[in-house]
Amino acid sequence: MRTVLVTGPGGAGRTTVAAATALAAARGGARALLLSADPLDALLGRPAGPEPTAVTDGLWAVGIDSGEHFRTELLGLQERLGTGLDLLGARPLAGEEITELPGSEEFALLHALRRAAEGDWDVVVVDLPPLREALAVLALPEQLRRYLRRLVPKERQAARALRPLMAQLAGIPMPAQWLYEATARWDEGLAAVQTLIEDPATTVRLVAEPGPAAADALRAARTALGLYGLRADTLVPNRVLPGDDAGPWLATLVAQQRKCLEEWHEEYGAVHEAAHLGRDPRGLDDLALLGVAPPAEPAPGAAPWTVEDRLTEEKLLVWHVPLPGAVKSELGLVRRDDELLLTVGAFRRIVPLPSALRRCTVTGAALTDGVLRVRFAPDPSLWPRTN
């Protein structure tokens, strides 16, 4: 299954390009599914509900309702905790009085992604929030799984038979089995979504309206994609004005767009322009007129994080981390136990070290040509000795 994650600066037309991408895939013979939290009625000519809705031959759509998802999840949790809440004298919440909380949109999107991964689709196109929020959503499964491992370690489950005795000795209640079971369910769901996001067949399609502000946002996005190990699919400059017969009042804007487009074609390579129709696209015919390309095949081995063996020559291992567009002044690097804390501007990722590097110490790092090279020297007290 190919998964295309569509995002870009706010107001760039992400939903329109996502719908046009899904339509192009369907007309190319694929079974395509479009996921979006934005209304799709005008774009597709029909509303999309929580279950896949047939739009046209080969194309289905799902409308993500974060409020309904939040109510369903909270009511389900309340039911599972029913006995404990009764003992506390709690008054159960009714569905109509539940209002979603901040952050529920992200979890509803991850839930929809997991359900899509279980379906029989050739292509899934996901209409993500704007760039900053989209990258935070894509990083969420990895982050939450790390928190779960730290807060509820799996190895503690092995001692559940001793819990009553330990509770008496310690004088405090020990974690109940339901906590470990709930944690296992959460971890399983997050792992499924993380696997989908990290799959080589998953790519990010960036959408932007040509201009100086978008250019700055895209450079930051490229660096963040490298930080999270995500693969770029295509850059779609949206609402591109026609260059012919532009009136005097449009000439300056057209010239600005053309200058920006020249730079993007040179910098990004895979660029497919989407035409400005002179109106908001409405219906499948308008989506087809945009000229958006179907999902491209992901580049093999894109965005590799590799360890280079220089032990024989320099007694070093070098970890190569691609960070295209990164600036040295915005880069932060901290080794903490068996993890590396990487900060690039407003983005941060905590990644476990490969097993060989855990037995080394960091001796330095350098950023050259968009690649961070972190140098590790073997720790004599931990490195296996050779006779």
Protein backbone atom coordinates (compact mmCIF):
# COMPACT_ATOMS: atom_id res chain seq x y z
CA MET A 1 0.00 0.00 0.00
CA ARG A 2 1.24 3.50 -0.89
CA THR A 3 0.54 6.19 1.68
CA VAL A 4 0.83 9.87 0.70
CA LEU A 5 0.80 12.41 3.54
CA VAL A 6 -0.15 15.86 2.22
CA THR A 7 0.82 19.00 4.13
CA GLY A 8 2.12 22.52 3.62
CA PRO A 9 1.86 26.07 4.99
CA GLY A 10 -1.58 27.15 6.18
CA GLY A 11 -3.86 28.32 3.39
CA ALA A 12 -1.82 26.66 0.63
CA GLY A 13 -4.68 24.41 -0.49
CA ARG A 14 -3.63 21.14 1.14
CA THR A 15 -7.12 19.61 1.10
CA THR A 16 -7.63 20.45 -2.57
CA VAL A 17 -4.29 18.93 -3.58
CA ALA A 18 -4.91 15.86 -1.40
CA ALA A 19 -8.28 15.30 -3.11
CA ALA A 20 -6.75 15.85 -6.55
CA THR A 21 -3.93 13.39 -5.73
CA ALA A 22 -6.41 10.72 -4.65
CA LEU A 23 -8.48 11.29 -7.80
CA ALA A 24 -5.38 11.02 -10.02
CA ALA A 25 -4.46 7.73 -8.34
CA ALA A 26 -7.99 6.37 -8.85
CA ARG A 27 -8.05 7.37 -12.51
CA GLY A 28 -4.71 5.61 -12.87
CA GLY A 29 -6.36 2.34 -11.88
CA ALA A 30 -5.67 2.26 -8.12
CA ARG A 31 -8.12 1.68 -5.28
CA ALA A 32 -7.62 5.04 -3.54
CA LEU A 33 -8.83 6.27 -0.16
CA LEU A 34 -8.83 9.93 0.88
CA LEU A 35 -8.73 10.83 4.60
CA SER A 36 -9.54 14.39 5.67
CA ALA A 37 -10.83 16.26 8.71
CA ASP A 38 -11.97 19.16 6.49
CA PRO A 39 -15.37 19.21 4.75
CA LEU A 40 -15.20 17.48 1.37
CA ASP A 41 -18.72 18.17 0.11
CA ALA A 42 -17.82 20.95 -2.34
CA LEU A 43 -14.59 19.33 -3.55
CA LEU A 44 -15.99 15.86 -4.16
CA GLY A 45 -19.63 16.70 -4.81
CA ARG A 46 -20.80 14.62 -1.85
CA PRO A 47 -20.21 14.43 1.92
CA ALA A 48 -17.85 11.85 3.43
CA GLY A 49 -18.71 10.05 6.66
CA PRO A 50 -16.67 8.05 9.18
CA GLU A 51 -16.83 4.96 6.95
CA PRO A 52 -15.39 4.88 3.40
CA THR A 53 -17.82 6.59 1.04
CA ALA A 54 -17.71 5.79 -2.69
CA VAL A 55 -17.05 8.97 -4.70
CA THR A 56 -16.31 7.67 -8.20
CA ASP A 57 -14.72 4.62 -9.81
CA GLY A 58 -11.70 3.67 -7.69
CA LEU A 59 -12.05 6.53 -5.18
CA TRP A 60 -13.43 6.46 -1.63
CA ALA A 61 -13.31 9.12 1.08
CA VAL A 62 -13.49 9.24 4.87
CA GLY A 63 -14.36 12.36 6.85
CA ILE A 64 -12.56 12.37 10.21
CA ASP A 65 -14.85 13.59 13.02
CA SER A 66 -12.54 14.27 15.99
CA GLY A 67 -15.42 15.21 18.28
CA GLU A 68 -17.26 11.93 17.72
CA HIS A 69 -14.03 9.96 18.09
CA PHE A 70 -13.29 11.68 21.42
CA ARG A 71 -16.78 10.96 22.76
CA THR A 72 -16.61 7.31 21.70
CA GLU A 73 -13.20 6.78 23.29
CA LEU A 74 -14.11 8.54 26.55
CA LEU A 75 -17.40 6.66 26.91
CA GLY A 76 -15.56 3.39 26.27
CA LEU A 77 -12.97 4.21 28.93
CA GLN A 78 -15.74 5.16 31.36
CA GLU A 79 -17.43 1.80 30.76
CA ARG A 80 -14.20 -0.16 31.36
CA LEU A 81 -13.63 1.72 34.63
CA GLY A 82 -17.26 1.37 35.68
CA THR A 83 -16.73 -0.66 38.88
CA GLY A 84 -13.96 1.57 40.16
CA LEU A 85 -15.92 4.73 39.42
CA ASP A 86 -18.97 3.31 41.22
CA LEU A 87 -16.87 2.68 44.34
CA LEU A 88 -15.76 6.31 44.23
CA GLY A 89 -19.34 7.50 43.94
CA ALA A 90 -18.71 9.06 40.53
CA ARG A 91 -21.56 10.25 38.33
CA PRO A 92 -21.10 8.86 34.79
CA LEU A 93 -20.89 11.32 31.92
CA ALA A 94 -23.54 11.23 29.20
CA GLY A 95 -22.50 11.38 25.57
CA GLU A 96 -24.30 14.67 24.88
CA GLU A 97 -22.39 16.53 27.61
CA ILE A 98 -18.92 15.51 26.37
CA THR A 99 -16.98 18.19 24.51
CA GLU A 100 -13.70 17.29 22.84
CA LEU A 101 -10.47 18.58 24.38
CA PRO A 102 -7.43 20.10 22.64
CA GLY A 103 -5.32 17.38 21.05
CA SER A 104 -8.24 15.13 20.16
CA GLU A 105 -7.82 15.96 16.45
CA GLU A 106 -4.37 14.36 16.42
CA PHE A 107 -5.57 11.13 18.02
CA ALA A 108 -8.57 10.92 15.69
CA LEU A 109 -6.22 11.26 12.71
CA LEU A 110 -3.91 8.53 14.01
CA HIS A 111 -6.92 6.26 14.61
CA ALA A 112 -8.12 6.84 11.04
CA LEU A 113 -4.62 6.05 9.74
CA ARG A 114 -4.56 2.78 11.62
CA ARG A 115 -7.97 1.76 10.27
CA ALA A 116 -6.89 2.63 6.73
CA ALA A 117 -3.80 0.43 7.11
CA GLU A 118 -6.09 -2.51 7.83
CA GLY A 119 -8.08 -2.01 4.60
CA ASP A 120 -7.56 -3.28 1.08
CA TRP A 121 -6.28 -0.08 -0.55
CA ASP A 122 -3.61 0.53 -3.16
CA VAL A 123 -3.18 4.20 -2.22
CA VAL A 124 -4.17 6.13 0.90
CA VAL A 125 -3.95 9.93 0.68
CA VAL A 126 -4.03 11.76 4.01
CA ASP A 127 -4.94 15.45 4.27
CA LEU A 128 -2.75 16.55 7.19
CA PRO A 129 -2.86 19.82 9.20
CA PRO A 130 -0.40 22.66 8.38
CA LEU A 131 3.32 21.87 8.41
CA ARG A 132 4.24 22.40 12.07
CA GLU A 133 1.18 20.55 13.40
CA ALA A 134 1.52 17.79 10.79
CA LEU A 135 5.10 17.00 11.77
CA ALA A 136 4.08 16.93 15.43
CA VAL A 137 1.30 14.43 14.62
CA LEU A 138 3.66 12.19 12.64
CA ALA A 139 6.17 12.20 15.52
CA LEU A 140 3.50 11.43 18.13
CA PRO A 141 3.43 7.58 17.95
CA GLU A 142 7.20 7.29 18.48
CA GLN A 143 7.11 9.81 21.35
CA LEU A 144 4.14 8.24 23.13
CA ARG A 145 5.62 4.74 22.87
CA ARG A 146 8.81 6.04 24.47
CA TYR A 147 6.79 7.54 27.34
CA LEU A 148 4.90 4.27 27.85
CA ARG A 149 8.13 2.26 27.99
CA ARG A 150 9.55 4.61 30.62
CA LEU A 151 6.43 4.97 32.76
CA VAL A 152 5.08 1.39 32.57
CA PRO A 153 8.07 -0.91 31.91
CA LYS A 154 7.06 -4.27 30.45
CA GLU A 155 9.55 -6.17 32.61
CA ARG A 156 7.60 -5.17 35.74
CA GLN A 157 4.71 -7.36 34.57
CA ALA A 158 6.78 -10.46 35.31
CA ALA A 159 6.48 -9.76 39.01
CA ARG A 160 2.67 -9.58 39.09
CA ALA A 161 2.45 -12.78 41.19
CA LEU A 162 4.49 -11.03 43.87
CA ARG A 163 2.40 -7.85 43.87
CA PRO A 164 0.31 -8.60 46.97
CA LEU A 165 3.46 -9.34 48.99
CA MET A 166 5.27 -6.31 47.59
CA ALA A 167 2.29 -4.10 48.39
CA GLN A 168 2.38 -5.28 52.04
CA LEU A 169 6.14 -4.75 52.33
CA ALA A 170 6.14 -1.36 50.65
CA GLY A 171 2.91 -0.17 52.20
CA ILE A 172 1.68 1.21 48.89
CA PRO A 173 -0.65 -0.28 46.28
CA MET A 174 1.11 -1.85 43.28
CA PRO A 175 -0.04 -1.30 39.67
CA ALA A 176 -3.06 -3.38 38.76
CA GLN A 177 -3.05 -5.79 35.82
CA TRP A 178 -5.54 -3.64 33.91
CA LEU A 179 -2.90 -0.89 33.66
CA TYR A 180 -0.45 -3.21 31.91
CA GLU A 181 -3.17 -4.56 29.64
CA ALA A 182 -4.30 -1.04 28.70
CA THR A 183 -0.70 -0.01 28.09
CA ALA A 184 -0.18 -3.03 25.83
CA ARG A 185 -3.28 -2.07 23.80
CA TRP A 186 -2.10 1.53 23.43
CA ASP A 187 1.39 0.42 22.45
CA GLU A 188 0.02 -2.01 19.88
CA GLY A 189 -2.08 0.69 18.23
CA LEU A 190 0.73 3.24 18.26
CA ALA A 191 3.18 0.67 16.88
CA ALA A 192 0.86 -0.03 13.95
CA VAL A 193 0.68 3.67 13.06
CA GLN A 194 4.43 4.16 13.57
CA THR A 195 5.11 1.23 11.23
CA LEU A 196 2.89 2.83 8.59
CA ILE A 197 4.59 6.23 8.92
CA GLU A 198 8.09 4.71 8.73
CA ASP A 199 7.24 2.35 5.85
CA PRO A 200 9.35 2.98 2.73
CA ALA A 201 6.11 3.21 0.75
CA THR A 202 4.96 6.22 2.81
CA THR A 203 5.93 9.66 1.50
CA VAL A 204 5.12 13.30 2.22
CA ARG A 205 3.72 15.55 -0.50
CA LEU A 206 4.40 19.23 0.21
CA VAL A 207 1.96 21.89 -1.01
CA ALA A 208 2.80 25.60 -1.17
CA GLU A 209 1.72 28.72 -3.01
CA PRO A 210 4.83 30.14 -4.72
CA GLY A 211 6.28 33.08 -2.82
CA PRO A 212 9.05 34.13 -0.40
CA ALA A 213 7.17 33.16 2.78
CA ALA A 214 6.42 29.67 1.47
CA ALA A 215 10.05 29.21 0.43
CA ASP A 216 11.22 29.73 4.02
CA ALA A 217 8.58 27.34 5.37
CA LEU A 218 9.55 24.64 2.86
CA ARG A 219 13.24 24.82 3.78
CA ALA A 220 12.32 24.26 7.43
CA ALA A 221 10.02 21.41 6.36
CA ARG A 222 12.78 19.65 4.41
CA THR A 223 15.03 19.73 7.46
CA ALA A 224 12.27 18.44 9.73
CA LEU A 225 11.46 15.61 7.31
CA GLY A 226 15.11 14.57 7.46
CA LEU A 227 15.09 14.74 11.25
CA TYR A 228 12.10 12.38 11.47
CA GLY A 229 13.35 10.12 8.68
CA LEU A 230 10.39 10.89 6.39
CA ARG A 231 10.58 10.70 2.59
CA ALA A 232 9.45 13.52 0.31
CA ASP A 233 7.22 12.55 -2.63
CA THR A 234 6.62 15.68 -4.68
CA LEU A 235 6.46 19.42 -4.18
CA VAL A 236 3.20 20.83 -5.54
CA PRO A 237 3.24 24.60 -6.15
CA ASN A 238 -0.46 25.43 -5.96
CA ARG A 239 -2.49 28.21 -7.59
CA VAL A 240 0.13 28.87 -10.27
CA LEU A 241 -0.98 31.80 -12.43
CA PRO A 242 -0.80 31.54 -16.23
CA GLY A 243 2.12 33.48 -17.66
CA ASP A 244 0.44 34.38 -20.95
CA ASP A 245 -1.75 37.45 -21.39
CA ALA A 246 -1.41 38.48 -17.75
CA GLY A 247 -2.81 41.96 -17.22
CA PRO A 248 -0.58 44.76 -15.90
CA TRP A 249 -1.83 44.36 -12.34
CA LEU A 250 -0.98 40.63 -12.38
CA ALA A 251 2.43 40.97 -14.04
CA THR A 252 4.33 41.56 -10.78
CA LEU A 253 2.71 38.59 -9.05
CA VAL A 254 3.33 36.33 -12.05
CA ALA A 255 6.99 37.38 -12.15
CA GLN A 256 7.35 36.68 -8.42
CA GLN A 257 5.82 33.24 -8.84
CA ARG A 258 8.05 32.42 -11.83
CA LYS A 259 11.20 33.38 -9.95
CA CYS A 260 10.18 31.21 -7.00
CA LEU A 261 9.24 28.29 -9.26
CA GLU A 262 12.62 28.37 -11.00
CA GLU A 263 14.34 28.09 -7.63
CA TRP A 264 12.04 25.24 -6.51
CA HIS A 265 12.57 23.25 -9.71
CA GLU A 266 16.33 23.54 -9.21
CA GLU A 267 16.27 22.77 -5.47
CA TYR A 268 13.61 20.05 -5.17
CA GLY A 269 13.74 18.18 -8.48
CA ALA A 270 10.29 16.51 -8.32
CA VAL A 271 7.98 19.52 -8.77
CA HIS A 272 4.47 19.32 -10.30
CA GLU A 273 2.63 22.62 -10.63
CA ALA A 274 -1.12 22.91 -9.97
CA ALA A 275 -2.87 25.54 -12.06
CA HIS A 276 -4.91 28.45 -10.71
CA LEU A 277 -8.43 28.00 -12.11
CA GLY A 278 -9.51 31.55 -11.31
CA ARG A 279 -11.99 30.13 -8.79
CA ASP A 280 -12.14 27.67 -5.92
CA PRO A 281 -12.21 24.11 -7.34
CA ARG A 282 -15.60 22.45 -7.01
CA GLY A 283 -16.27 18.89 -8.13
CA LEU A 284 -14.20 16.17 -9.72
CA ASP A 285 -13.88 17.92 -13.10
CA ASP A 286 -12.20 20.92 -11.46
CA LEU A 287 -9.88 18.66 -9.46
CA ALA A 288 -8.79 16.96 -12.68
CA LEU A 289 -8.10 20.36 -14.31
CA LEU A 290 -5.50 21.16 -11.64
CA GLY A 291 -3.12 18.69 -13.26
CA VAL A 292 -1.89 17.17 -9.98
CA ALA A 293 0.23 14.08 -10.56
CA PRO A 294 -0.59 10.71 -8.98
CA PRO A 295 1.71 9.47 -6.20
CA ALA A 296 5.27 8.93 -7.39
CA GLU A 297 7.24 5.86 -6.48
CA PRO A 298 9.37 6.57 -3.39
CA ALA A 299 13.10 6.79 -3.98
CA PRO A 300 14.79 3.58 -2.81
CA GLY A 301 16.77 4.05 0.35
CA ALA A 302 15.65 7.65 0.80
CA ALA A 303 16.74 9.51 3.94
CA PRO A 304 19.11 6.83 5.28
CA TRP A 305 20.61 7.06 8.76
CA THR A 306 23.77 4.99 8.33
CA VAL A 307 26.75 4.13 10.53
CA GLU A 308 30.11 4.32 8.76
CA ASP A 309 32.85 2.02 10.03
CA ARG A 310 36.17 3.86 10.34
CA LEU A 311 37.58 1.67 13.10
CA THR A 312 40.57 0.44 11.12
CA GLU A 313 41.70 3.86 9.88
CA GLU A 314 40.63 6.27 12.64
CA LYS A 315 39.19 4.08 15.44
CA LEU A 316 35.84 5.78 14.93
CA LEU A 317 32.24 5.02 14.00
CA VAL A 318 30.42 7.87 12.26
CA TRP A 319 26.63 8.17 12.29
CA HIS A 320 25.32 9.98 9.18
CA VAL A 321 22.05 11.87 9.75
CA PRO A 322 20.67 13.66 6.62
CA LEU A 323 19.32 17.10 7.56
CA PRO A 324 18.90 18.99 4.26
CA GLY A 325 18.76 22.74 4.74
CA ALA A 326 19.83 22.60 8.40
CA VAL A 327 21.70 25.57 9.86
CA LYS A 328 24.49 24.97 12.36
CA SER A 329 23.31 27.74 14.69
CA GLU A 330 19.89 26.02 15.07
CA LEU A 331 21.32 22.57 15.74
CA GLY A 332 21.44 20.95 19.19
CA LEU A 333 22.93 17.54 20.06
CA VAL A 334 22.89 15.81 23.46
CA ARG A 335 23.81 12.22 24.35
CA ARG A 336 21.74 10.86 27.24
CA ASP A 337 22.31 7.22 28.22
CA ASP A 338 21.44 5.15 25.13
CA GLU A 339 19.60 7.93 23.33
CA LEU A 340 20.50 10.93 21.21
CA LEU A 341 18.52 14.17 21.61
CA LEU A 342 18.52 16.05 18.32
CA THR A 343 17.13 19.58 18.03
CA VAL A 344 16.85 21.45 14.74
CA GLY A 345 15.21 24.84 15.11
CA ALA A 346 11.70 24.28 16.48
CA PHE A 347 11.84 20.49 16.02
CA ARG A 348 13.23 17.84 18.38
CA ARG A 349 13.59 14.09 18.18
CA ILE A 350 14.88 11.59 20.72
CA VAL A 351 16.23 8.48 19.00
CA PRO A 352 17.73 5.29 20.46
CA LEU A 353 21.33 4.69 19.47
CA PRO A 354 22.20 1.65 17.33
CA SER A 355 23.58 -1.14 19.50
CA ALA A 356 27.21 -0.63 18.42
CA LEU A 357 27.11 3.08 19.28
CA ARG A 358 25.77 2.45 22.78
CA ARG A 359 29.22 1.10 23.67
CA CYS A 360 30.92 4.27 22.43
CA THR A 361 31.42 7.85 23.56
CA VAL A 362 30.63 10.90 21.41
CA THR A 363 33.84 12.66 20.34
CA GLY A 364 32.40 15.32 18.06
CA ALA A 365 29.97 16.24 15.30
CA ALA A 366 29.95 18.27 12.11
CA LEU A 367 27.26 19.52 9.71
CA THR A 368 28.42 19.43 6.09
CA ASP A 369 26.37 19.56 2.88
CA GLY A 370 23.12 18.90 4.71
CA VAL A 371 24.40 15.83 6.58
CA LEU A 372 25.13 15.71 10.31
CA ARG A 373 28.06 13.40 11.03
CA VAL A 374 28.32 12.34 14.68
CA ARG A 375 31.64 10.72 15.63
CA PHE A 376 31.78 7.90 18.19
CA ALA A 377 34.87 6.32 19.72
CA PRO A 378 34.65 2.82 21.28
CA ASP A 379 34.64 2.84 25.09
CA PRO A 380 37.43 0.42 26.14
CA SER A 381 35.46 -0.67 29.20
CA LEU A 382 32.47 -1.72 27.07
CA TRP A 383 33.93 -2.62 23.68
CA PRO A 384 34.71 -6.32 23.12
CA ARG A 385 38.43 -7.04 23.15
CA THR A 386 40.15 -8.87 20.32
CA ASN A 387 43.17 -11.09 20.83
